[in-house]
Amino acid sequence: LRKPSLLEAFPLLKRYYADFKALP
């Protein structure tokens, strides 16, 4: 949709998303 990420408004959810994606 060429919209900014909604996670920018939710810092804990943004961190959560990154932590899960980094799981080895």
PDBML (XML) file of the C-alpha atoms, coordinates in Angstrom:
<?xml version="1.0" encoding="UTF-8" ?>
<PDBx:datablock datablockName="MODEL"
   xmlns:PDBx="http://pdbml.pdb.org/schema/pdbx-v50.xsd"
   xmlns:xsi="http://www.w3.org/2001/XMLSchema-instance"
   xsi:schemaLocation="http://pdbml.pdb.org/schema/pdbx-v50.xsd pdbx-v50.xsd">
   <PDBx:atom_siteCategory>
      <PDBx:atom_site id="1">
         <PDBx:B_iso_or_equiv>0.00</PDBx:B_iso_or_equiv>
         <PDBx:Cartn_x>0.000</PDBx:Cartn_x>
         <PDBx:Cartn_y>0.000</PDBx:Cartn_y>
         <PDBx:Cartn_z>0.000</PDBx:Cartn_z>
         <PDBx:auth_asym_id>A</PDBx:auth_asym_id>
         <PDBx:auth_atom_id>CA</PDBx:auth_atom_id>
         <PDBx:auth_comp_id>LEU</PDBx:auth_comp_id>
         <PDBx:auth_seq_id>1</PDBx:auth_seq_id>
         <PDBx:group_PDB>ATOM</PDBx:group_PDB>
         <PDBx:label_alt_id xsi:nil="true" />
         <PDBx:label_asym_id>A</PDBx:label_asym_id>
         <PDBx:label_atom_id>CA</PDBx:label_atom_id>
         <PDBx:label_comp_id>LEU</PDBx:label_comp_id>
         <PDBx:label_entity_id>1</PDBx:label_entity_id>
         <PDBx:label_seq_id>1</PDBx:label_seq_id>
         <PDBx:occupancy>1.00</PDBx:occupancy>
         <PDBx:pdbx_PDB_model_num>1</PDBx:pdbx_PDB_model_num>
         <PDBx:type_symbol>C</PDBx:type_symbol>
      </PDBx:atom_site>
      <PDBx:atom_site id="2">
         <PDBx:B_iso_or_equiv>0.00</PDBx:B_iso_or_equiv>
         <PDBx:Cartn_x>3.126</PDBx:Cartn_x>
         <PDBx:Cartn_y>2.223</PDBx:Cartn_y>
         <PDBx:Cartn_z>0.154</PDBx:Cartn_z>
         <PDBx:auth_asym_id>A</PDBx:auth_asym_id>
         <PDBx:auth_atom_id>CA</PDBx:auth_atom_id>
         <PDBx:auth_comp_id>ARG</PDBx:auth_comp_id>
         <PDBx:auth_seq_id>2</PDBx:auth_seq_id>
         <PDBx:group_PDB>ATOM</PDBx:group_PDB>
         <PDBx:label_alt_id xsi:nil="true" />
         <PDBx:label_asym_id>A</PDBx:label_asym_id>
         <PDBx:label_atom_id>CA</PDBx:label_atom_id>
         <PDBx:label_comp_id>ARG</PDBx:label_comp_id>
         <PDBx:label_entity_id>1</PDBx:label_entity_id>
         <PDBx:label_seq_id>2</PDBx:label_seq_id>
         <PDBx:occupancy>1.00</PDBx:occupancy>
         <PDBx:pdbx_PDB_model_num>1</PDBx:pdbx_PDB_model_num>
         <PDBx:type_symbol>C</PDBx:type_symbol>
      </PDBx:atom_site>
      <PDBx:atom_site id="3">
         <PDBx:B_iso_or_equiv>0.00</PDBx:B_iso_or_equiv>
         <PDBx:Cartn_x>2.399</PDBx:Cartn_x>
         <PDBx:Cartn_y>2.969</PDBx:Cartn_y>
         <PDBx:Cartn_z>3.777</PDBx:Cartn_z>
         <PDBx:auth_asym_id>A</PDBx:auth_asym_id>
         <PDBx:auth_atom_id>CA</PDBx:auth_atom_id>
         <PDBx:auth_comp_id>LYS</PDBx:auth_comp_id>
         <PDBx:auth_seq_id>3</PDBx:auth_seq_id>
         <PDBx:group_PDB>ATOM</PDBx:group_PDB>
         <PDBx:label_alt_id xsi:nil="true" />
         <PDBx:label_asym_id>A</PDBx:label_asym_id>
         <PDBx:label_atom_id>CA</PDBx:label_atom_id>
         <PDBx:label_comp_id>LYS</PDBx:label_comp_id>
         <PDBx:label_entity_id>1</PDBx:label_entity_id>
         <PDBx:label_seq_id>3</PDBx:label_seq_id>
         <PDBx:occupancy>1.00</PDBx:occupancy>
         <PDBx:pdbx_PDB_model_num>1</PDBx:pdbx_PDB_model_num>
         <PDBx:type_symbol>C</PDBx:type_symbol>
      </PDBx:atom_site>
      <PDBx:atom_site id="4">
         <PDBx:B_iso_or_equiv>0.00</PDBx:B_iso_or_equiv>
         <PDBx:Cartn_x>4.838</PDBx:Cartn_x>
         <PDBx:Cartn_y>3.212</PDBx:Cartn_y>
         <PDBx:Cartn_z>6.700</PDBx:Cartn_z>
         <PDBx:auth_asym_id>A</PDBx:auth_asym_id>
         <PDBx:auth_atom_id>CA</PDBx:auth_atom_id>
         <PDBx:auth_comp_id>PRO</PDBx:auth_comp_id>
         <PDBx:auth_seq_id>4</PDBx:auth_seq_id>
         <PDBx:group_PDB>ATOM</PDBx:group_PDB>
         <PDBx:label_alt_id xsi:nil="true" />
         <PDBx:label_asym_id>A</PDBx:label_asym_id>
         <PDBx:label_atom_id>CA</PDBx:label_atom_id>
         <PDBx:label_comp_id>PRO</PDBx:label_comp_id>
         <PDBx:label_entity_id>1</PDBx:label_entity_id>
         <PDBx:label_seq_id>4</PDBx:label_seq_id>
         <PDBx:occupancy>1.00</PDBx:occupancy>
         <PDBx:pdbx_PDB_model_num>1</PDBx:pdbx_PDB_model_num>
         <PDBx:type_symbol>C</PDBx:type_symbol>
      </PDBx:atom_site>
      <PDBx:atom_site id="5">
         <PDBx:B_iso_or_equiv>0.00</PDBx:B_iso_or_equiv>
         <PDBx:Cartn_x>5.143</PDBx:Cartn_x>
         <PDBx:Cartn_y>0.220</PDBx:Cartn_y>
         <PDBx:Cartn_z>8.985</PDBx:Cartn_z>
         <PDBx:auth_asym_id>A</PDBx:auth_asym_id>
         <PDBx:auth_atom_id>CA</PDBx:auth_atom_id>
         <PDBx:auth_comp_id>SER</PDBx:auth_comp_id>
         <PDBx:auth_seq_id>5</PDBx:auth_seq_id>
         <PDBx:group_PDB>ATOM</PDBx:group_PDB>
         <PDBx:label_alt_id xsi:nil="true" />
         <PDBx:label_asym_id>A</PDBx:label_asym_id>
         <PDBx:label_atom_id>CA</PDBx:label_atom_id>
         <PDBx:label_comp_id>SER</PDBx:label_comp_id>
         <PDBx:label_entity_id>1</PDBx:label_entity_id>
         <PDBx:label_seq_id>5</PDBx:label_seq_id>
         <PDBx:occupancy>1.00</PDBx:occupancy>
         <PDBx:pdbx_PDB_model_num>1</PDBx:pdbx_PDB_model_num>
         <PDBx:type_symbol>C</PDBx:type_symbol>
      </PDBx:atom_site>
      <PDBx:atom_site id="6">
         <PDBx:B_iso_or_equiv>0.00</PDBx:B_iso_or_equiv>
         <PDBx:Cartn_x>2.467</PDBx:Cartn_x>
         <PDBx:Cartn_y>0.130</PDBx:Cartn_y>
         <PDBx:Cartn_z>11.679</PDBx:Cartn_z>
         <PDBx:auth_asym_id>A</PDBx:auth_asym_id>
         <PDBx:auth_atom_id>CA</PDBx:auth_atom_id>
         <PDBx:auth_comp_id>LEU</PDBx:auth_comp_id>
         <PDBx:auth_seq_id>6</PDBx:auth_seq_id>
         <PDBx:group_PDB>ATOM</PDBx:group_PDB>
         <PDBx:label_alt_id xsi:nil="true" />
         <PDBx:label_asym_id>A</PDBx:label_asym_id>
         <PDBx:label_atom_id>CA</PDBx:label_atom_id>
         <PDBx:label_comp_id>LEU</PDBx:label_comp_id>
         <PDBx:label_entity_id>1</PDBx:label_entity_id>
         <PDBx:label_seq_id>6</PDBx:label_seq_id>
         <PDBx:occupancy>1.00</PDBx:occupancy>
         <PDBx:pdbx_PDB_model_num>1</PDBx:pdbx_PDB_model_num>
         <PDBx:type_symbol>C</PDBx:type_symbol>
      </PDBx:atom_site>
      <PDBx:atom_site id="7">
         <PDBx:B_iso_or_equiv>0.00</PDBx:B_iso_or_equiv>
         <PDBx:Cartn_x>5.017</PDBx:Cartn_x>
         <PDBx:Cartn_y>-1.336</PDBx:Cartn_y>
         <PDBx:Cartn_z>14.098</PDBx:Cartn_z>
         <PDBx:auth_asym_id>A</PDBx:auth_asym_id>
         <PDBx:auth_atom_id>CA</PDBx:auth_atom_id>
         <PDBx:auth_comp_id>LEU</PDBx:auth_comp_id>
         <PDBx:auth_seq_id>7</PDBx:auth_seq_id>
         <PDBx:group_PDB>ATOM</PDBx:group_PDB>
         <PDBx:label_alt_id xsi:nil="true" />
         <PDBx:label_asym_id>A</PDBx:label_asym_id>
         <PDBx:label_atom_id>CA</PDBx:label_atom_id>
         <PDBx:label_comp_id>LEU</PDBx:label_comp_id>
         <PDBx:label_entity_id>1</PDBx:label_entity_id>
         <PDBx:label_seq_id>7</PDBx:label_seq_id>
         <PDBx:occupancy>1.00</PDBx:occupancy>
         <PDBx:pdbx_PDB_model_num>1</PDBx:pdbx_PDB_model_num>
         <PDBx:type_symbol>C</PDBx:type_symbol>
      </PDBx:atom_site>
      <PDBx:atom_site id="8">
         <PDBx:B_iso_or_equiv>0.00</PDBx:B_iso_or_equiv>
         <PDBx:Cartn_x>6.654</PDBx:Cartn_x>
         <PDBx:Cartn_y>2.083</PDBx:Cartn_y>
         <PDBx:Cartn_z>14.454</PDBx:Cartn_z>
         <PDBx:auth_asym_id>A</PDBx:auth_asym_id>
         <PDBx:auth_atom_id>CA</PDBx:auth_atom_id>
         <PDBx:auth_comp_id>GLU</PDBx:auth_comp_id>
         <PDBx:auth_seq_id>8</PDBx:auth_seq_id>
         <PDBx:group_PDB>ATOM</PDBx:group_PDB>
         <PDBx:label_alt_id xsi:nil="true" />
         <PDBx:label_asym_id>A</PDBx:label_asym_id>
         <PDBx:label_atom_id>CA</PDBx:label_atom_id>
         <PDBx:label_comp_id>GLU</PDBx:label_comp_id>
         <PDBx:label_entity_id>1</PDBx:label_entity_id>
         <PDBx:label_seq_id>8</PDBx:label_seq_id>
         <PDBx:occupancy>1.00</PDBx:occupancy>
         <PDBx:pdbx_PDB_model_num>1</PDBx:pdbx_PDB_model_num>
         <PDBx:type_symbol>C</PDBx:type_symbol>
      </PDBx:atom_site>
      <PDBx:atom_site id="9">
         <PDBx:B_iso_or_equiv>0.00</PDBx:B_iso_or_equiv>
         <PDBx:Cartn_x>3.780</PDBx:Cartn_x>
         <PDBx:Cartn_y>3.069</PDBx:Cartn_y>
         <PDBx:Cartn_z>16.751</PDBx:Cartn_z>
         <PDBx:auth_asym_id>A</PDBx:auth_asym_id>
         <PDBx:auth_atom_id>CA</PDBx:auth_atom_id>
         <PDBx:auth_comp_id>ALA</PDBx:auth_comp_id>
         <PDBx:auth_seq_id>9</PDBx:auth_seq_id>
         <PDBx:group_PDB>ATOM</PDBx:group_PDB>
         <PDBx:label_alt_id xsi:nil="true" />
         <PDBx:label_asym_id>A</PDBx:label_asym_id>
         <PDBx:label_atom_id>CA</PDBx:label_atom_id>
         <PDBx:label_comp_id>ALA</PDBx:label_comp_id>
         <PDBx:label_entity_id>1</PDBx:label_entity_id>
         <PDBx:label_seq_id>9</PDBx:label_seq_id>
         <PDBx:occupancy>1.00</PDBx:occupancy>
         <PDBx:pdbx_PDB_model_num>1</PDBx:pdbx_PDB_model_num>
         <PDBx:type_symbol>C</PDBx:type_symbol>
      </PDBx:atom_site>
      <PDBx:atom_site id="10">
         <PDBx:B_iso_or_equiv>0.00</PDBx:B_iso_or_equiv>
         <PDBx:Cartn_x>4.148</PDBx:Cartn_x>
         <PDBx:Cartn_y>-0.056</PDBx:Cartn_y>
         <PDBx:Cartn_z>18.883</PDBx:Cartn_z>
         <PDBx:auth_asym_id>A</PDBx:auth_asym_id>
         <PDBx:auth_atom_id>CA</PDBx:auth_atom_id>
         <PDBx:auth_comp_id>PHE</PDBx:auth_comp_id>
         <PDBx:auth_seq_id>10</PDBx:auth_seq_id>
         <PDBx:group_PDB>ATOM</PDBx:group_PDB>
         <PDBx:label_alt_id xsi:nil="true" />
         <PDBx:label_asym_id>A</PDBx:label_asym_id>
         <PDBx:label_atom_id>CA</PDBx:label_atom_id>
         <PDBx:label_comp_id>PHE</PDBx:label_comp_id>
         <PDBx:label_entity_id>1</PDBx:label_entity_id>
         <PDBx:label_seq_id>10</PDBx:label_seq_id>
         <PDBx:occupancy>1.00</PDBx:occupancy>
         <PDBx:pdbx_PDB_model_num>1</PDBx:pdbx_PDB_model_num>
         <PDBx:type_symbol>C</PDBx:type_symbol>
      </PDBx:atom_site>
      <PDBx:atom_site id="11">
         <PDBx:B_iso_or_equiv>0.00</PDBx:B_iso_or_equiv>
         <PDBx:Cartn_x>7.709</PDBx:Cartn_x>
         <PDBx:Cartn_y>-0.319</PDBx:Cartn_y>
         <PDBx:Cartn_z>20.258</PDBx:Cartn_z>
         <PDBx:auth_asym_id>A</PDBx:auth_asym_id>
         <PDBx:auth_atom_id>CA</PDBx:auth_atom_id>
         <PDBx:auth_comp_id>PRO</PDBx:auth_comp_id>
         <PDBx:auth_seq_id>11</PDBx:auth_seq_id>
         <PDBx:group_PDB>ATOM</PDBx:group_PDB>
         <PDBx:label_alt_id xsi:nil="true" />
         <PDBx:label_asym_id>A</PDBx:label_asym_id>
         <PDBx:label_atom_id>CA</PDBx:label_atom_id>
         <PDBx:label_comp_id>PRO</PDBx:label_comp_id>
         <PDBx:label_entity_id>1</PDBx:label_entity_id>
         <PDBx:label_seq_id>11</PDBx:label_seq_id>
         <PDBx:occupancy>1.00</PDBx:occupancy>
         <PDBx:pdbx_PDB_model_num>1</PDBx:pdbx_PDB_model_num>
         <PDBx:type_symbol>C</PDBx:type_symbol>
      </PDBx:atom_site>
      <PDBx:atom_site id="12">
         <PDBx:B_iso_or_equiv>0.00</PDBx:B_iso_or_equiv>
         <PDBx:Cartn_x>7.226</PDBx:Cartn_x>
         <PDBx:Cartn_y>-3.555</PDBx:Cartn_y>
         <PDBx:Cartn_z>22.199</PDBx:Cartn_z>
         <PDBx:auth_asym_id>A</PDBx:auth_asym_id>
         <PDBx:auth_atom_id>CA</PDBx:auth_atom_id>
         <PDBx:auth_comp_id>LEU</PDBx:auth_comp_id>
         <PDBx:auth_seq_id>12</PDBx:auth_seq_id>
         <PDBx:group_PDB>ATOM</PDBx:group_PDB>
         <PDBx:label_alt_id xsi:nil="true" />
         <PDBx:label_asym_id>A</PDBx:label_asym_id>
         <PDBx:label_atom_id>CA</PDBx:label_atom_id>
         <PDBx:label_comp_id>LEU</PDBx:label_comp_id>
         <PDBx:label_entity_id>1</PDBx:label_entity_id>
         <PDBx:label_seq_id>12</PDBx:label_seq_id>
         <PDBx:occupancy>1.00</PDBx:occupancy>
         <PDBx:pdbx_PDB_model_num>1</PDBx:pdbx_PDB_model_num>
         <PDBx:type_symbol>C</PDBx:type_symbol>
      </PDBx:atom_site>
      <PDBx:atom_site id="13">
         <PDBx:B_iso_or_equiv>0.00</PDBx:B_iso_or_equiv>
         <PDBx:Cartn_x>5.596</PDBx:Cartn_x>
         <PDBx:Cartn_y>-5.255</PDBx:Cartn_y>
         <PDBx:Cartn_z>19.232</PDBx:Cartn_z>
         <PDBx:auth_asym_id>A</PDBx:auth_asym_id>
         <PDBx:auth_atom_id>CA</PDBx:auth_atom_id>
         <PDBx:auth_comp_id>LEU</PDBx:auth_comp_id>
         <PDBx:auth_seq_id>13</PDBx:auth_seq_id>
         <PDBx:group_PDB>ATOM</PDBx:group_PDB>
         <PDBx:label_alt_id xsi:nil="true" />
         <PDBx:label_asym_id>A</PDBx:label_asym_id>
         <PDBx:label_atom_id>CA</PDBx:label_atom_id>
         <PDBx:label_comp_id>LEU</PDBx:label_comp_id>
         <PDBx:label_entity_id>1</PDBx:label_entity_id>
         <PDBx:label_seq_id>13</PDBx:label_seq_id>
         <PDBx:occupancy>1.00</PDBx:occupancy>
         <PDBx:pdbx_PDB_model_num>1</PDBx:pdbx_PDB_model_num>
         <PDBx:type_symbol>C</PDBx:type_symbol>
      </PDBx:atom_site>
      <PDBx:atom_site id="14">
         <PDBx:B_iso_or_equiv>0.00</PDBx:B_iso_or_equiv>
         <PDBx:Cartn_x>8.360</PDBx:Cartn_x>
         <PDBx:Cartn_y>-3.959</PDBx:Cartn_y>
         <PDBx:Cartn_z>16.959</PDBx:Cartn_z>
         <PDBx:auth_asym_id>A</PDBx:auth_asym_id>
         <PDBx:auth_atom_id>CA</PDBx:auth_atom_id>
         <PDBx:auth_comp_id>LYS</PDBx:auth_comp_id>
         <PDBx:auth_seq_id>14</PDBx:auth_seq_id>
         <PDBx:group_PDB>ATOM</PDBx:group_PDB>
         <PDBx:label_alt_id xsi:nil="true" />
         <PDBx:label_asym_id>A</PDBx:label_asym_id>
         <PDBx:label_atom_id>CA</PDBx:label_atom_id>
         <PDBx:label_comp_id>LYS</PDBx:label_comp_id>
         <PDBx:label_entity_id>1</PDBx:label_entity_id>
         <PDBx:label_seq_id>14</PDBx:label_seq_id>
         <PDBx:occupancy>1.00</PDBx:occupancy>
         <PDBx:pdbx_PDB_model_num>1</PDBx:pdbx_PDB_model_num>
         <PDBx:type_symbol>C</PDBx:type_symbol>
      </PDBx:atom_site>
      <PDBx:atom_site id="15">
         <PDBx:B_iso_or_equiv>0.00</PDBx:B_iso_or_equiv>
         <PDBx:Cartn_x>11.009</PDBx:Cartn_x>
         <PDBx:Cartn_y>-5.418</PDBx:Cartn_y>
         <PDBx:Cartn_z>19.271</PDBx:Cartn_z>
         <PDBx:auth_asym_id>A</PDBx:auth_asym_id>
         <PDBx:auth_atom_id>CA</PDBx:auth_atom_id>
         <PDBx:auth_comp_id>ARG</PDBx:auth_comp_id>
         <PDBx:auth_seq_id>15</PDBx:auth_seq_id>
         <PDBx:group_PDB>ATOM</PDBx:group_PDB>
         <PDBx:label_alt_id xsi:nil="true" />
         <PDBx:label_asym_id>A</PDBx:label_asym_id>
         <PDBx:label_atom_id>CA</PDBx:label_atom_id>
         <PDBx:label_comp_id>ARG</PDBx:label_comp_id>
         <PDBx:label_entity_id>1</PDBx:label_entity_id>
         <PDBx:label_seq_id>15</PDBx:label_seq_id>
         <PDBx:occupancy>1.00</PDBx:occupancy>
         <PDBx:pdbx_PDB_model_num>1</PDBx:pdbx_PDB_model_num>
         <PDBx:type_symbol>C</PDBx:type_symbol>
      </PDBx:atom_site>
      <PDBx:atom_site id="16">
         <PDBx:B_iso_or_equiv>0.00</PDBx:B_iso_or_equiv>
         <PDBx:Cartn_x>9.034</PDBx:Cartn_x>
         <PDBx:Cartn_y>-8.668</PDBx:Cartn_y>
         <PDBx:Cartn_z>19.476</PDBx:Cartn_z>
         <PDBx:auth_asym_id>A</PDBx:auth_asym_id>
         <PDBx:auth_atom_id>CA</PDBx:auth_atom_id>
         <PDBx:auth_comp_id>TYR</PDBx:auth_comp_id>
         <PDBx:auth_seq_id>16</PDBx:auth_seq_id>
         <PDBx:group_PDB>ATOM</PDBx:group_PDB>
         <PDBx:label_alt_id xsi:nil="true" />
         <PDBx:label_asym_id>A</PDBx:label_asym_id>
         <PDBx:label_atom_id>CA</PDBx:label_atom_id>
         <PDBx:label_comp_id>TYR</PDBx:label_comp_id>
         <PDBx:label_entity_id>1</PDBx:label_entity_id>
         <PDBx:label_seq_id>16</PDBx:label_seq_id>
         <PDBx:occupancy>1.00</PDBx:occupancy>
         <PDBx:pdbx_PDB_model_num>1</PDBx:pdbx_PDB_model_num>
         <PDBx:type_symbol>C</PDBx:type_symbol>
      </PDBx:atom_site>
      <PDBx:atom_site id="17">
         <PDBx:B_iso_or_equiv>0.00</PDBx:B_iso_or_equiv>
         <PDBx:Cartn_x>8.885</PDBx:Cartn_x>
         <PDBx:Cartn_y>-8.918</PDBx:Cartn_y>
         <PDBx:Cartn_z>15.677</PDBx:Cartn_z>
         <PDBx:auth_asym_id>A</PDBx:auth_asym_id>
         <PDBx:auth_atom_id>CA</PDBx:auth_atom_id>
         <PDBx:auth_comp_id>TYR</PDBx:auth_comp_id>
         <PDBx:auth_seq_id>17</PDBx:auth_seq_id>
         <PDBx:group_PDB>ATOM</PDBx:group_PDB>
         <PDBx:label_alt_id xsi:nil="true" />
         <PDBx:label_asym_id>A</PDBx:label_asym_id>
         <PDBx:label_atom_id>CA</PDBx:label_atom_id>
         <PDBx:label_comp_id>TYR</PDBx:label_comp_id>
         <PDBx:label_entity_id>1</PDBx:label_entity_id>
         <PDBx:label_seq_id>17</PDBx:label_seq_id>
         <PDBx:occupancy>1.00</PDBx:occupancy>
         <PDBx:pdbx_PDB_model_num>1</PDBx:pdbx_PDB_model_num>
         <PDBx:type_symbol>C</PDBx:type_symbol>
      </PDBx:atom_site>
      <PDBx:atom_site id="18">
         <PDBx:B_iso_or_equiv>0.00</PDBx:B_iso_or_equiv>
         <PDBx:Cartn_x>12.654</PDBx:Cartn_x>
         <PDBx:Cartn_y>-8.443</PDBx:Cartn_y>
         <PDBx:Cartn_z>15.397</PDBx:Cartn_z>
         <PDBx:auth_asym_id>A</PDBx:auth_asym_id>
         <PDBx:auth_atom_id>CA</PDBx:auth_atom_id>
         <PDBx:auth_comp_id>ALA</PDBx:auth_comp_id>
         <PDBx:auth_seq_id>18</PDBx:auth_seq_id>
         <PDBx:group_PDB>ATOM</PDBx:group_PDB>
         <PDBx:label_alt_id xsi:nil="true" />
         <PDBx:label_asym_id>A</PDBx:label_asym_id>
         <PDBx:label_atom_id>CA</PDBx:label_atom_id>
         <PDBx:label_comp_id>ALA</PDBx:label_comp_id>
         <PDBx:label_entity_id>1</PDBx:label_entity_id>
         <PDBx:label_seq_id>18</PDBx:label_seq_id>
         <PDBx:occupancy>1.00</PDBx:occupancy>
         <PDBx:pdbx_PDB_model_num>1</PDBx:pdbx_PDB_model_num>
         <PDBx:type_symbol>C</PDBx:type_symbol>
      </PDBx:atom_site>
      <PDBx:atom_site id="19">
         <PDBx:B_iso_or_equiv>0.00</PDBx:B_iso_or_equiv>
         <PDBx:Cartn_x>13.485</PDBx:Cartn_x>
         <PDBx:Cartn_y>-10.870</PDBx:Cartn_y>
         <PDBx:Cartn_z>18.219</PDBx:Cartn_z>
         <PDBx:auth_asym_id>A</PDBx:auth_asym_id>
         <PDBx:auth_atom_id>CA</PDBx:auth_atom_id>
         <PDBx:auth_comp_id>ASP</PDBx:auth_comp_id>
         <PDBx:auth_seq_id>19</PDBx:auth_seq_id>
         <PDBx:group_PDB>ATOM</PDBx:group_PDB>
         <PDBx:label_alt_id xsi:nil="true" />
         <PDBx:label_asym_id>A</PDBx:label_asym_id>
         <PDBx:label_atom_id>CA</PDBx:label_atom_id>
         <PDBx:label_comp_id>ASP</PDBx:label_comp_id>
         <PDBx:label_entity_id>1</PDBx:label_entity_id>
         <PDBx:label_seq_id>19</PDBx:label_seq_id>
         <PDBx:occupancy>1.00</PDBx:occupancy>
         <PDBx:pdbx_PDB_model_num>1</PDBx:pdbx_PDB_model_num>
         <PDBx:type_symbol>C</PDBx:type_symbol>
      </PDBx:atom_site>
      <PDBx:atom_site id="20">
         <PDBx:B_iso_or_equiv>0.00</PDBx:B_iso_or_equiv>
         <PDBx:Cartn_x>11.410</PDBx:Cartn_x>
         <PDBx:Cartn_y>-13.640</PDBx:Cartn_y>
         <PDBx:Cartn_z>16.681</PDBx:Cartn_z>
         <PDBx:auth_asym_id>A</PDBx:auth_asym_id>
         <PDBx:auth_atom_id>CA</PDBx:auth_atom_id>
         <PDBx:auth_comp_id>PHE</PDBx:auth_comp_id>
         <PDBx:auth_seq_id>20</PDBx:auth_seq_id>
         <PDBx:group_PDB>ATOM</PDBx:group_PDB>
         <PDBx:label_alt_id xsi:nil="true" />
         <PDBx:label_asym_id>A</PDBx:label_asym_id>
         <PDBx:label_atom_id>CA</PDBx:label_atom_id>
         <PDBx:label_comp_id>PHE</PDBx:label_comp_id>
         <PDBx:label_entity_id>1</PDBx:label_entity_id>
         <PDBx:label_seq_id>20</PDBx:label_seq_id>
         <PDBx:occupancy>1.00</PDBx:occupancy>
         <PDBx:pdbx_PDB_model_num>1</PDBx:pdbx_PDB_model_num>
         <PDBx:type_symbol>C</PDBx:type_symbol>
      </PDBx:atom_site>
      <PDBx:atom_site id="21">
         <PDBx:B_iso_or_equiv>0.00</PDBx:B_iso_or_equiv>
         <PDBx:Cartn_x>12.869</PDBx:Cartn_x>
         <PDBx:Cartn_y>-13.085</PDBx:Cartn_y>
         <PDBx:Cartn_z>13.225</PDBx:Cartn_z>
         <PDBx:auth_asym_id>A</PDBx:auth_asym_id>
         <PDBx:auth_atom_id>CA</PDBx:auth_atom_id>
         <PDBx:auth_comp_id>LYS</PDBx:auth_comp_id>
         <PDBx:auth_seq_id>21</PDBx:auth_seq_id>
         <PDBx:group_PDB>ATOM</PDBx:group_PDB>
         <PDBx:label_alt_id xsi:nil="true" />
         <PDBx:label_asym_id>A</PDBx:label_asym_id>
         <PDBx:label_atom_id>CA</PDBx:label_atom_id>
         <PDBx:label_comp_id>LYS</PDBx:label_comp_id>
         <PDBx:label_entity_id>1</PDBx:label_entity_id>
         <PDBx:label_seq_id>21</PDBx:label_seq_id>
         <PDBx:occupancy>1.00</PDBx:occupancy>
         <PDBx:pdbx_PDB_model_num>1</PDBx:pdbx_PDB_model_num>
         <PDBx:type_symbol>C</PDBx:type_symbol>
      </PDBx:atom_site>
      <PDBx:atom_site id="22">
         <PDBx:B_iso_or_equiv>0.00</PDBx:B_iso_or_equiv>
         <PDBx:Cartn_x>16.373</PDBx:Cartn_x>
         <PDBx:Cartn_y>-13.384</PDBx:Cartn_y>
         <PDBx:Cartn_z>14.694</PDBx:Cartn_z>
         <PDBx:auth_asym_id>A</PDBx:auth_asym_id>
         <PDBx:auth_atom_id>CA</PDBx:auth_atom_id>
         <PDBx:auth_comp_id>ALA</PDBx:auth_comp_id>
         <PDBx:auth_seq_id>22</PDBx:auth_seq_id>
         <PDBx:group_PDB>ATOM</PDBx:group_PDB>
         <PDBx:label_alt_id xsi:nil="true" />
         <PDBx:label_asym_id>A</PDBx:label_asym_id>
         <PDBx:label_atom_id>CA</PDBx:label_atom_id>
         <PDBx:label_comp_id>ALA</PDBx:label_comp_id>
         <PDBx:label_entity_id>1</PDBx:label_entity_id>
         <PDBx:label_seq_id>22</PDBx:label_seq_id>
         <PDBx:occupancy>1.00</PDBx:occupancy>
         <PDBx:pdbx_PDB_model_num>1</PDBx:pdbx_PDB_model_num>
         <PDBx:type_symbol>C</PDBx:type_symbol>
      </PDBx:atom_site>
      <PDBx:atom_site id="23">
         <PDBx:B_iso_or_equiv>0.00</PDBx:B_iso_or_equiv>
         <PDBx:Cartn_x>15.779</PDBx:Cartn_x>
         <PDBx:Cartn_y>-16.834</PDBx:Cartn_y>
         <PDBx:Cartn_z>16.225</PDBx:Cartn_z>
         <PDBx:auth_asym_id>A</PDBx:auth_asym_id>
         <PDBx:auth_atom_id>CA</PDBx:auth_atom_id>
         <PDBx:auth_comp_id>LEU</PDBx:auth_comp_id>
         <PDBx:auth_seq_id>23</PDBx:auth_seq_id>
         <PDBx:group_PDB>ATOM</PDBx:group_PDB>
         <PDBx:label_alt_id xsi:nil="true" />
         <PDBx:label_asym_id>A</PDBx:label_asym_id>
         <PDBx:label_atom_id>CA</PDBx:label_atom_id>
         <PDBx:label_comp_id>LEU</PDBx:label_comp_id>
         <PDBx:label_entity_id>1</PDBx:label_entity_id>
         <PDBx:label_seq_id>23</PDBx:label_seq_id>
         <PDBx:occupancy>1.00</PDBx:occupancy>
         <PDBx:pdbx_PDB_model_num>1</PDBx:pdbx_PDB_model_num>
         <PDBx:type_symbol>C</PDBx:type_symbol>
      </PDBx:atom_site>
      <PDBx:atom_site id="24">
         <PDBx:B_iso_or_equiv>0.00</PDBx:B_iso_or_equiv>
         <PDBx:Cartn_x>18.638</PDBx:Cartn_x>
         <PDBx:Cartn_y>-19.051</PDBx:Cartn_y>
         <PDBx:Cartn_z>15.014</PDBx:Cartn_z>
         <PDBx:auth_asym_id>A</PDBx:auth_asym_id>
         <PDBx:auth_atom_id>CA</PDBx:auth_atom_id>
         <PDBx:auth_comp_id>PRO</PDBx:auth_comp_id>
         <PDBx:auth_seq_id>24</PDBx:auth_seq_id>
         <PDBx:group_PDB>ATOM</PDBx:group_PDB>
         <PDBx:label_alt_id xsi:nil="true" />
         <PDBx:label_asym_id>A</PDBx:label_asym_id>
         <PDBx:label_atom_id>CA</PDBx:label_atom_id>
         <PDBx:label_comp_id>PRO</PDBx:label_comp_id>
         <PDBx:label_entity_id>1</PDBx:label_entity_id>
         <PDBx:label_seq_id>24</PDBx:label_seq_id>
         <PDBx:occupancy>1.00</PDBx:occupancy>
         <PDBx:pdbx_PDB_model_num>1</PDBx:pdbx_PDB_model_num>
         <PDBx:type_symbol>C</PDBx:type_symbol>
      </PDBx:atom_site>
   </PDBx:atom_siteCategory>
</PDBx:datablock>
